[in-house]
Amino acid sequence: MIQYPAELPYPDLSGYSLEHAPNLTRTPMISGRARQRRRYTSVPSFVTLSWGMPQKEFELFEAWFRWELKEGEEWFTGWAQTGGPARQTVMRFVGSDGAPAYTARMDGPDYWRISCRLEIREKQTFADGWQHLPQYILFPSILDLALNREWPESKYQTYMGAFDGGVNEEWPQ
């Protein structure tokens, strides 16, 4: 997988927006109501990002975009925030119907501002079932304290270092 260059800055959070593709279909009924149902289990999400960077970093960005991503055709791994903390996410540039994949404008002498729309391959969410346990999602530090206080370290964990040392001394590789 192609990586976003580590030498380039992370995207700014100003102007950050996240949108999900529509996933419902509606069928009007004779009664005036409509039946609504899910079409797909996974739909793309889109994020709008912007970066600010000096001239040399912008030149690196353009070379990476042109040669590594083949003008934005390829998927890459970069930092985005899509519902959880910012993390490595698989995405690609979106440019369609004559719209550019990204826009770059000078924002002062020798400084560029890049903005673009990216498609996220899979949005970050908790696994199914966690929505029924909101207290564990909202207050994880309390859960951690309770678990460590009620279930302290087991004897297996306490003596793991001695066990590991004994195994490696008795059965070296």
N, C-alpha and C. Protein backbone atom coordinates (compact mmCIF):
# COMPACT_ATOMS: atom_id res chain seq x y z
N MET A 1 0.85 -1.18 0.00
CA MET A 1 0.00 0.00 0.00
C MET A 1 0.89 1.24 0.00
N ILE A 2 0.55 2.19 -0.80
CA ILE A 2 1.28 3.45 -0.88
C ILE A 2 1.03 4.26 0.40
N GLN A 3 2.07 4.84 0.95
CA GLN A 3 1.97 5.62 2.18
C GLN A 3 2.04 7.11 1.86
N TYR A 4 1.30 7.90 2.63
CA TYR A 4 1.44 9.35 2.56
C TYR A 4 2.84 9.67 3.07
N PRO A 5 3.61 10.52 2.39
CA PRO A 5 5.00 10.78 2.80
C PRO A 5 5.10 11.32 4.23
N ALA A 6 5.94 10.69 5.03
CA ALA A 6 6.13 11.10 6.42
C ALA A 6 6.74 12.49 6.52
N GLU A 7 7.42 12.94 5.47
CA GLU A 7 8.07 14.25 5.48
C GLU A 7 7.07 15.40 5.30
N LEU A 8 5.86 15.08 4.87
CA LEU A 8 4.85 16.12 4.65
C LEU A 8 4.01 16.32 5.90
N PRO A 9 3.44 17.51 6.08
CA PRO A 9 2.65 17.78 7.28
C PRO A 9 1.32 17.03 7.28
N TYR A 10 0.77 16.88 8.49
CA TYR A 10 -0.58 16.32 8.63
C TYR A 10 -1.59 17.35 8.14
N PRO A 11 -2.78 16.91 7.75
CA PRO A 11 -3.81 17.87 7.34
C PRO A 11 -4.24 18.76 8.50
N ASP A 12 -4.69 19.96 8.15
CA ASP A 12 -5.24 20.88 9.14
C ASP A 12 -6.65 20.42 9.51
N LEU A 13 -7.10 20.77 10.69
CA LEU A 13 -8.47 20.45 11.09
C LEU A 13 -9.44 21.58 10.75
N SER A 14 -8.91 22.72 10.32
CA SER A 14 -9.81 23.81 9.94
C SER A 14 -10.48 23.44 8.62
N GLY A 15 -11.79 23.56 8.56
CA GLY A 15 -12.52 23.22 7.36
C GLY A 15 -12.72 21.72 7.17
N TYR A 16 -12.40 20.94 8.18
CA TYR A 16 -12.52 19.48 8.10
C TYR A 16 -13.99 19.10 8.06
N SER A 17 -14.37 18.27 7.14
CA SER A 17 -15.75 17.80 7.09
C SER A 17 -15.78 16.35 6.66
N LEU A 18 -16.78 15.64 7.15
CA LEU A 18 -16.94 14.21 6.87
C LEU A 18 -18.37 13.99 6.40
N GLU A 19 -18.53 13.27 5.32
CA GLU A 19 -19.88 12.96 4.83
C GLU A 19 -19.92 11.51 4.35
N HIS A 20 -21.08 10.93 4.47
CA HIS A 20 -21.26 9.54 4.07
C HIS A 20 -22.20 9.49 2.87
N ALA A 21 -21.93 8.57 1.95
CA ALA A 21 -22.79 8.42 0.78
C ALA A 21 -24.16 7.92 1.23
N PRO A 22 -25.21 8.29 0.51
CA PRO A 22 -26.54 7.82 0.90
C PRO A 22 -26.62 6.31 0.82
N ASN A 23 -27.33 5.73 1.78
CA ASN A 23 -27.40 4.28 1.87
C ASN A 23 -28.83 3.78 1.94
N LEU A 24 -29.78 4.67 1.83
CA LEU A 24 -31.18 4.27 1.95
C LEU A 24 -31.90 4.46 0.63
N THR A 25 -32.88 3.63 0.41
CA THR A 25 -33.77 3.80 -0.73
C THR A 25 -35.19 3.94 -0.19
N ARG A 26 -35.96 4.84 -0.78
CA ARG A 26 -37.33 5.09 -0.32
C ARG A 26 -38.31 4.71 -1.43
N THR A 27 -39.38 4.05 -1.02
CA THR A 27 -40.44 3.68 -1.94
C THR A 27 -41.74 4.32 -1.45
N PRO A 28 -42.31 5.26 -2.21
CA PRO A 28 -43.57 5.86 -1.75
C PRO A 28 -44.70 4.83 -1.81
N MET A 29 -45.55 4.87 -0.80
CA MET A 29 -46.69 3.96 -0.73
C MET A 29 -47.98 4.73 -1.07
N ILE A 30 -49.04 4.03 -1.36
CA ILE A 30 -50.31 4.65 -1.71
C ILE A 30 -50.85 5.48 -0.54
N SER A 31 -50.58 5.04 0.68
CA SER A 31 -51.09 5.73 1.87
C SER A 31 -50.44 7.09 2.07
N GLY A 32 -49.38 7.40 1.34
CA GLY A 32 -48.67 8.65 1.51
C GLY A 32 -47.37 8.48 2.29
N ARG A 33 -47.28 7.41 3.04
CA ARG A 33 -46.03 7.12 3.75
C ARG A 33 -45.04 6.50 2.76
N ALA A 34 -43.84 6.33 3.22
CA ALA A 34 -42.81 5.72 2.36
C ALA A 34 -42.14 4.59 3.12
N ARG A 35 -41.79 3.57 2.40
CA ARG A 35 -41.01 2.48 2.98
C ARG A 35 -39.54 2.81 2.74
N GLN A 36 -38.76 2.66 3.76
CA GLN A 36 -37.34 3.01 3.69
C GLN A 36 -36.53 1.79 4.09
N ARG A 37 -35.48 1.49 3.33
CA ARG A 37 -34.63 0.33 3.65
C ARG A 37 -33.20 0.60 3.22
N ARG A 38 -32.32 -0.13 3.87
CA ARG A 38 -30.88 0.00 3.60
C ARG A 38 -30.55 -0.72 2.30
N ARG A 39 -29.75 -0.08 1.47
CA ARG A 39 -29.34 -0.68 0.21
C ARG A 39 -28.07 -1.51 0.35
N TYR A 40 -27.11 -1.00 1.11
CA TYR A 40 -25.81 -1.66 1.20
C TYR A 40 -25.37 -1.71 2.66
N THR A 41 -24.46 -2.61 2.98
CA THR A 41 -23.91 -2.68 4.34
C THR A 41 -22.66 -1.83 4.48
N SER A 42 -22.04 -1.47 3.38
CA SER A 42 -20.85 -0.63 3.43
C SER A 42 -20.91 0.37 2.27
N VAL A 43 -20.87 1.65 2.61
CA VAL A 43 -20.89 2.70 1.60
C VAL A 43 -19.67 3.58 1.82
N PRO A 44 -19.21 4.26 0.78
CA PRO A 44 -18.04 5.12 0.96
C PRO A 44 -18.35 6.35 1.81
N SER A 45 -17.33 6.82 2.47
CA SER A 45 -17.39 8.08 3.19
C SER A 45 -16.41 9.02 2.52
N PHE A 46 -16.66 10.30 2.64
CA PHE A 46 -15.81 11.31 2.02
C PHE A 46 -15.38 12.31 3.08
N VAL A 47 -14.15 12.75 2.96
CA VAL A 47 -13.62 13.73 3.90
C VAL A 47 -12.98 14.86 3.09
N THR A 48 -13.17 16.08 3.58
CA THR A 48 -12.54 17.23 2.96
C THR A 48 -11.36 17.64 3.82
N LEU A 49 -10.18 17.66 3.24
CA LEU A 49 -8.95 17.96 3.96
C LEU A 49 -8.25 19.16 3.35
N SER A 50 -7.42 19.81 4.15
CA SER A 50 -6.56 20.87 3.63
C SER A 50 -5.21 20.82 4.34
N TRP A 51 -4.19 21.21 3.63
CA TRP A 51 -2.83 21.26 4.15
C TRP A 51 -2.24 22.62 3.85
N GLY A 52 -1.36 23.05 4.70
CA GLY A 52 -0.55 24.21 4.43
C GLY A 52 0.90 23.76 4.43
N MET A 53 1.67 24.16 3.41
CA MET A 53 3.06 23.71 3.34
C MET A 53 3.92 24.67 2.53
N PRO A 54 5.21 24.74 2.88
CA PRO A 54 6.12 25.58 2.11
C PRO A 54 6.37 25.01 0.71
N GLN A 55 7.02 25.79 -0.13
CA GLN A 55 7.23 25.45 -1.54
C GLN A 55 7.87 24.08 -1.74
N LYS A 56 8.94 23.78 -1.03
CA LYS A 56 9.66 22.50 -1.22
C LYS A 56 8.78 21.31 -0.87
N GLU A 57 7.99 21.41 0.21
CA GLU A 57 7.08 20.32 0.58
C GLU A 57 5.98 20.18 -0.47
N PHE A 58 5.53 21.30 -1.02
CA PHE A 58 4.51 21.26 -2.07
C PHE A 58 5.06 20.54 -3.31
N GLU A 59 6.30 20.80 -3.65
CA GLU A 59 6.92 20.11 -4.78
C GLU A 59 6.97 18.61 -4.54
N LEU A 60 7.31 18.20 -3.31
CA LEU A 60 7.31 16.77 -2.96
C LEU A 60 5.90 16.21 -3.07
N PHE A 61 4.90 16.94 -2.57
CA PHE A 61 3.51 16.50 -2.65
C PHE A 61 3.10 16.27 -4.10
N GLU A 62 3.40 17.22 -4.96
CA GLU A 62 3.02 17.07 -6.37
C GLU A 62 3.72 15.89 -7.04
N ALA A 63 4.99 15.68 -6.73
CA ALA A 63 5.71 14.53 -7.30
C ALA A 63 5.10 13.23 -6.80
N TRP A 64 4.79 13.14 -5.51
CA TRP A 64 4.17 11.94 -4.93
C TRP A 64 2.81 11.69 -5.57
N PHE A 65 2.01 12.75 -5.74
CA PHE A 65 0.69 12.63 -6.34
C PHE A 65 0.79 12.14 -7.79
N ARG A 66 1.73 12.69 -8.52
CA ARG A 66 1.84 12.34 -9.94
C ARG A 66 2.42 10.94 -10.15
N TRP A 67 3.52 10.63 -9.48
CA TRP A 67 4.23 9.40 -9.78
C TRP A 67 3.79 8.21 -8.93
N GLU A 68 3.56 8.42 -7.65
CA GLU A 68 3.16 7.31 -6.78
C GLU A 68 1.67 6.99 -6.92
N LEU A 69 0.85 8.05 -6.90
CA LEU A 69 -0.60 7.84 -6.96
C LEU A 69 -1.14 7.82 -8.38
N LYS A 70 -0.26 8.00 -9.36
CA LYS A 70 -0.68 8.04 -10.78
C LYS A 70 -1.81 9.05 -10.97
N GLU A 71 -1.53 10.30 -10.57
CA GLU A 71 -2.48 11.41 -10.69
C GLU A 71 -3.75 11.19 -9.86
N GLY A 72 -3.64 10.48 -8.74
CA GLY A 72 -4.77 10.30 -7.83
C GLY A 72 -5.56 9.04 -8.06
N GLU A 73 -5.12 8.19 -8.98
CA GLU A 73 -5.86 6.97 -9.30
C GLU A 73 -5.74 5.90 -8.20
N GLU A 74 -4.61 5.84 -7.52
CA GLU A 74 -4.33 4.77 -6.55
C GLU A 74 -4.83 5.11 -5.15
N TRP A 75 -5.11 4.06 -4.37
CA TRP A 75 -5.43 4.18 -2.96
C TRP A 75 -4.12 4.39 -2.20
N PHE A 76 -4.19 5.09 -1.07
CA PHE A 76 -3.01 5.28 -0.24
C PHE A 76 -3.43 5.28 1.22
N THR A 77 -2.45 5.16 2.10
CA THR A 77 -2.69 5.19 3.54
C THR A 77 -2.21 6.53 4.08
N GLY A 78 -3.10 7.24 4.74
CA GLY A 78 -2.77 8.54 5.32
C GLY A 78 -3.59 8.77 6.58
N TRP A 79 -3.36 9.91 7.22
CA TRP A 79 -4.04 10.23 8.48
C TRP A 79 -5.37 10.92 8.21
N ALA A 80 -6.42 10.40 8.84
CA ALA A 80 -7.74 11.05 8.78
C ALA A 80 -8.49 10.71 10.05
N GLN A 81 -9.46 11.53 10.36
CA GLN A 81 -10.29 11.31 11.53
C GLN A 81 -11.70 11.08 11.03
N THR A 82 -12.22 9.87 11.25
CA THR A 82 -13.54 9.53 10.72
C THR A 82 -14.43 8.93 11.80
N GLY A 83 -14.54 9.56 12.90
CA GLY A 83 -15.43 9.07 13.95
C GLY A 83 -14.69 8.67 15.20
N GLY A 84 -13.44 8.39 15.12
CA GLY A 84 -12.63 8.07 16.28
C GLY A 84 -11.42 8.99 16.28
N PRO A 85 -10.39 8.64 17.02
CA PRO A 85 -9.18 9.46 16.96
C PRO A 85 -8.53 9.37 15.58
N ALA A 86 -7.73 10.36 15.24
CA ALA A 86 -7.03 10.34 13.94
C ALA A 86 -6.16 9.11 13.88
N ARG A 87 -6.22 8.40 12.77
CA ARG A 87 -5.41 7.20 12.60
C ARG A 87 -5.16 6.96 11.12
N GLN A 88 -4.29 6.00 10.84
CA GLN A 88 -4.00 5.63 9.46
C GLN A 88 -5.26 5.08 8.81
N THR A 89 -5.62 5.64 7.66
CA THR A 89 -6.85 5.28 6.97
C THR A 89 -6.54 5.10 5.49
N VAL A 90 -7.18 4.12 4.85
CA VAL A 90 -7.00 3.90 3.42
C VAL A 90 -7.97 4.82 2.68
N MET A 91 -7.43 5.62 1.75
CA MET A 91 -8.24 6.61 1.04
C MET A 91 -7.67 6.87 -0.35
N ARG A 92 -8.43 7.63 -1.15
CA ARG A 92 -7.96 8.07 -2.46
C ARG A 92 -8.60 9.41 -2.80
N PHE A 93 -7.92 10.14 -3.67
CA PHE A 93 -8.42 11.44 -4.11
C PHE A 93 -9.64 11.25 -4.99
N VAL A 94 -10.59 12.17 -4.86
CA VAL A 94 -11.80 12.12 -5.67
C VAL A 94 -11.83 13.35 -6.56
N GLY A 95 -11.83 13.12 -7.83
CA GLY A 95 -11.98 14.17 -8.82
C GLY A 95 -12.87 13.60 -9.90
N SER A 96 -13.94 14.27 -10.25
CA SER A 96 -14.84 13.69 -11.24
C SER A 96 -15.45 14.78 -12.11
N ASP A 97 -15.86 14.39 -13.27
CA ASP A 97 -16.54 15.29 -14.21
C ASP A 97 -15.78 16.59 -14.42
N GLY A 98 -14.50 16.48 -14.63
CA GLY A 98 -13.68 17.64 -14.91
C GLY A 98 -13.21 18.38 -13.66
N ALA A 99 -13.68 17.98 -12.48
CA ALA A 99 -13.24 18.65 -11.24
C ALA A 99 -11.84 18.15 -10.91
N PRO A 100 -10.98 19.04 -10.44
CA PRO A 100 -9.62 18.60 -10.10
C PRO A 100 -9.60 17.72 -8.85
N ALA A 101 -8.59 16.87 -8.76
CA ALA A 101 -8.44 16.00 -7.59
C ALA A 101 -8.09 16.82 -6.36
N TYR A 102 -7.36 17.90 -6.55
CA TYR A 102 -7.06 18.82 -5.44
C TYR A 102 -6.83 20.21 -6.02
N THR A 103 -6.95 21.20 -5.18
CA THR A 103 -6.65 22.56 -5.59
C THR A 103 -5.52 23.08 -4.71
N ALA A 104 -4.67 23.88 -5.30
CA ALA A 104 -3.54 24.47 -4.57
C ALA A 104 -3.53 25.96 -4.87
N ARG A 105 -3.40 26.75 -3.82
CA ARG A 105 -3.31 28.19 -4.02
C ARG A 105 -2.20 28.74 -3.13
N MET A 106 -1.59 29.80 -3.60
CA MET A 106 -0.54 30.44 -2.81
C MET A 106 -1.19 31.18 -1.65
N ASP A 107 -0.63 30.98 -0.48
CA ASP A 107 -1.16 31.58 0.74
C ASP A 107 -0.05 32.38 1.40
N GLY A 108 0.59 33.22 0.63
CA GLY A 108 1.73 33.98 1.10
C GLY A 108 2.94 33.62 0.25
N PRO A 109 4.01 34.35 0.42
CA PRO A 109 5.19 34.05 -0.38
C PRO A 109 5.77 32.69 0.01
N ASP A 110 5.95 31.86 -1.00
CA ASP A 110 6.60 30.56 -0.79
C ASP A 110 5.81 29.61 0.11
N TYR A 111 4.47 29.77 0.17
CA TYR A 111 3.63 28.91 1.01
C TYR A 111 2.36 28.55 0.26
N TRP A 112 2.00 27.28 0.29
CA TRP A 112 0.86 26.76 -0.47
C TRP A 112 -0.21 26.22 0.46
N ARG A 113 -1.46 26.37 0.04
CA ARG A 113 -2.61 25.79 0.73
C ARG A 113 -3.26 24.82 -0.23
N ILE A 114 -3.32 23.54 0.14
CA ILE A 114 -3.91 22.48 -0.69
C ILE A 114 -5.22 22.06 -0.05
N SER A 115 -6.25 21.88 -0.85
CA SER A 115 -7.51 21.33 -0.36
C SER A 115 -8.01 20.29 -1.34
N CYS A 116 -8.67 19.28 -0.80
CA CYS A 116 -9.12 18.18 -1.65
C CYS A 116 -10.26 17.43 -0.97
N ARG A 117 -10.86 16.57 -1.74
CA ARG A 117 -11.90 15.67 -1.25
C ARG A 117 -11.35 14.26 -1.43
N LEU A 118 -11.43 13.46 -0.37
CA LEU A 118 -10.91 12.09 -0.40
C LEU A 118 -12.01 11.10 -0.09
N GLU A 119 -11.94 9.94 -0.73
CA GLU A 119 -12.86 8.85 -0.44
C GLU A 119 -12.21 7.92 0.58
N ILE A 120 -12.90 7.62 1.65
CA ILE A 120 -12.41 6.72 2.70
C ILE A 120 -12.92 5.33 2.37
N ARG A 121 -12.03 4.35 2.34
CA ARG A 121 -12.43 3.00 1.99
C ARG A 121 -13.38 2.41 3.03
N GLU A 122 -13.03 2.53 4.31
CA GLU A 122 -13.90 2.00 5.36
C GLU A 122 -13.87 2.92 6.55
N LYS A 123 -15.04 3.39 6.97
CA LYS A 123 -15.09 4.33 8.09
C LYS A 123 -14.89 3.60 9.41
N GLN A 124 -14.35 4.34 10.38
CA GLN A 124 -14.07 3.77 11.69
C GLN A 124 -15.35 3.74 12.52
N THR A 125 -15.70 2.59 13.02
CA THR A 125 -16.81 2.47 13.95
C THR A 125 -16.48 1.35 14.93
N PHE A 126 -17.22 1.32 16.01
CA PHE A 126 -17.09 0.21 16.94
C PHE A 126 -17.72 -1.03 16.31
N ALA A 127 -17.30 -2.19 16.76
CA ALA A 127 -17.88 -3.44 16.27
C ALA A 127 -19.34 -3.52 16.71
N ASP A 128 -20.13 -4.26 15.97
CA ASP A 128 -21.54 -4.43 16.29
C ASP A 128 -21.69 -4.99 17.70
N GLY A 129 -22.59 -4.42 18.47
CA GLY A 129 -22.83 -4.84 19.84
C GLY A 129 -22.39 -3.80 20.86
N TRP A 130 -21.36 -3.03 20.54
CA TRP A 130 -20.86 -2.03 21.47
C TRP A 130 -21.86 -0.89 21.69
N GLN A 131 -22.76 -0.66 20.73
CA GLN A 131 -23.73 0.41 20.89
C GLN A 131 -24.68 0.13 22.06
N HIS A 132 -24.77 -1.11 22.52
CA HIS A 132 -25.62 -1.47 23.65
C HIS A 132 -24.91 -1.26 24.99
N LEU A 133 -23.65 -0.89 24.95
CA LEU A 133 -22.85 -0.68 26.16
C LEU A 133 -22.24 0.73 26.13
N PRO A 134 -23.06 1.76 26.11
CA PRO A 134 -22.50 3.11 25.96
C PRO A 134 -21.59 3.54 27.10
N GLN A 135 -21.82 3.02 28.31
CA GLN A 135 -20.98 3.40 29.44
C GLN A 135 -19.54 2.94 29.24
N TYR A 136 -19.33 1.84 28.54
CA TYR A 136 -17.97 1.36 28.30
C TYR A 136 -17.27 2.20 27.24
N ILE A 137 -18.04 2.77 26.33
CA ILE A 137 -17.47 3.63 25.30
C ILE A 137 -17.19 5.02 25.86
N LEU A 138 -18.14 5.56 26.63
CA LEU A 138 -18.03 6.93 27.12
C LEU A 138 -17.10 7.08 28.32
N PHE A 139 -16.99 6.03 29.14
CA PHE A 139 -16.19 6.12 30.37
C PHE A 139 -15.18 4.98 30.46
N PRO A 140 -14.26 4.83 29.50
CA PRO A 140 -13.34 3.70 29.54
C PRO A 140 -12.37 3.74 30.72
N SER A 141 -12.02 4.92 31.22
CA SER A 141 -11.08 4.99 32.33
C SER A 141 -11.70 4.42 33.60
N ILE A 142 -12.99 4.63 33.81
CA ILE A 142 -13.67 4.05 34.98
C ILE A 142 -13.69 2.54 34.88
N LEU A 143 -13.97 2.03 33.69
CA LEU A 143 -13.96 0.58 33.47
C LEU A 143 -12.58 0.02 33.74
N ASP A 144 -11.55 0.69 33.27
CA ASP A 144 -10.18 0.23 33.48
C ASP A 144 -9.84 0.18 34.97
N LEU A 145 -10.20 1.22 35.70
CA LEU A 145 -9.95 1.23 37.15
C LEU A 145 -10.69 0.10 37.85
N ALA A 146 -11.96 -0.08 37.50
CA ALA A 146 -12.75 -1.13 38.15
C ALA A 146 -12.18 -2.51 37.87
N LEU A 147 -11.82 -2.77 36.62
CA LEU A 147 -11.28 -4.09 36.28
C LEU A 147 -9.96 -4.36 36.98
N ASN A 148 -9.09 -3.37 37.03
CA ASN A 148 -7.79 -3.59 37.67
C ASN A 148 -7.89 -3.67 39.18
N ARG A 149 -8.88 -3.03 39.77
CA ARG A 149 -9.07 -3.10 41.21
C ARG A 149 -9.73 -4.42 41.59
N GLU A 150 -10.73 -4.84 40.80
CA GLU A 150 -11.47 -6.06 41.13
C GLU A 150 -10.74 -7.33 40.70
N TRP A 151 -10.05 -7.27 39.58
CA TRP A 151 -9.32 -8.43 39.08
C TRP A 151 -7.85 -8.07 38.93
N PRO A 152 -7.11 -8.10 40.02
CA PRO A 152 -5.69 -7.73 39.92
C PRO A 152 -4.91 -8.77 39.11
N GLU A 153 -3.68 -8.47 38.91
CA GLU A 153 -2.80 -9.31 38.11
C GLU A 153 -2.82 -10.76 38.60
N SER A 154 -2.90 -11.69 37.67
CA SER A 154 -2.94 -13.11 38.05
C SER A 154 -1.53 -13.62 38.33
N LYS A 155 -1.45 -14.77 38.97
CA LYS A 155 -0.14 -15.39 39.28
C LYS A 155 0.61 -15.71 37.99
N TYR A 156 -0.14 -16.06 36.94
CA TYR A 156 0.49 -16.34 35.66
C TYR A 156 1.25 -15.11 35.16
N GLN A 157 0.62 -13.93 35.26
CA GLN A 157 1.27 -12.70 34.83
C GLN A 157 2.43 -12.35 35.76
N THR A 158 2.27 -12.60 37.06
CA THR A 158 3.30 -12.26 38.04
C THR A 158 4.59 -13.03 37.76
N TYR A 159 4.48 -14.31 37.44
CA TYR A 159 5.66 -15.15 37.25
C TYR A 159 6.00 -15.38 35.78
N MET A 160 5.42 -14.60 34.88
CA MET A 160 5.67 -14.79 33.45
C MET A 160 7.13 -14.57 33.10
N GLY A 161 7.78 -13.58 33.71
CA GLY A 161 9.19 -13.33 33.43
C GLY A 161 10.06 -14.51 33.81
N ALA A 162 9.82 -15.10 34.99
CA ALA A 162 10.59 -16.27 35.43
C ALA A 162 10.32 -17.46 34.52
N PHE A 163 9.07 -17.65 34.14
CA PHE A 163 8.72 -18.75 33.25
C PHE A 163 9.41 -18.59 31.90
N ASP A 164 9.36 -17.38 31.37
CA ASP A 164 9.98 -17.11 30.07
C ASP A 164 11.49 -17.34 30.14
N GLY A 165 12.11 -16.87 31.21
CA GLY A 165 13.55 -17.09 31.37
C GLY A 165 13.89 -18.56 31.48
N GLY A 166 13.09 -19.31 32.25
CA GLY A 166 13.34 -20.75 32.40
C GLY A 166 13.20 -21.50 31.09
N VAL A 167 12.18 -21.16 30.33
CA VAL A 167 11.97 -21.83 29.05
C VAL A 167 13.12 -21.53 28.10
N ASN A 168 13.56 -20.30 28.05
CA ASN A 168 14.63 -19.93 27.11
C ASN A 168 15.98 -20.48 27.56
N GLU A 169 16.19 -20.66 28.85
CA GLU A 169 17.44 -21.27 29.31
C GLU A 169 17.43 -22.76 29.08
N GLU A 170 16.29 -23.40 29.33
CA GLU A 170 16.20 -24.85 29.17
C GLU A 170 16.12 -25.27 27.71
N TRP A 171 15.37 -24.51 26.92
CA TRP A 171 15.17 -24.86 25.52
C TRP A 171 15.60 -23.70 24.63
N PRO A 172 16.88 -23.44 24.52
CA PRO A 172 17.30 -22.33 23.65
C PRO A 172 17.01 -22.64 22.19
N GLN A 173 16.90 -21.62 21.41
CA GLN A 173 16.58 -21.82 19.99
C GLN A 173 17.80 -22.18 19.18
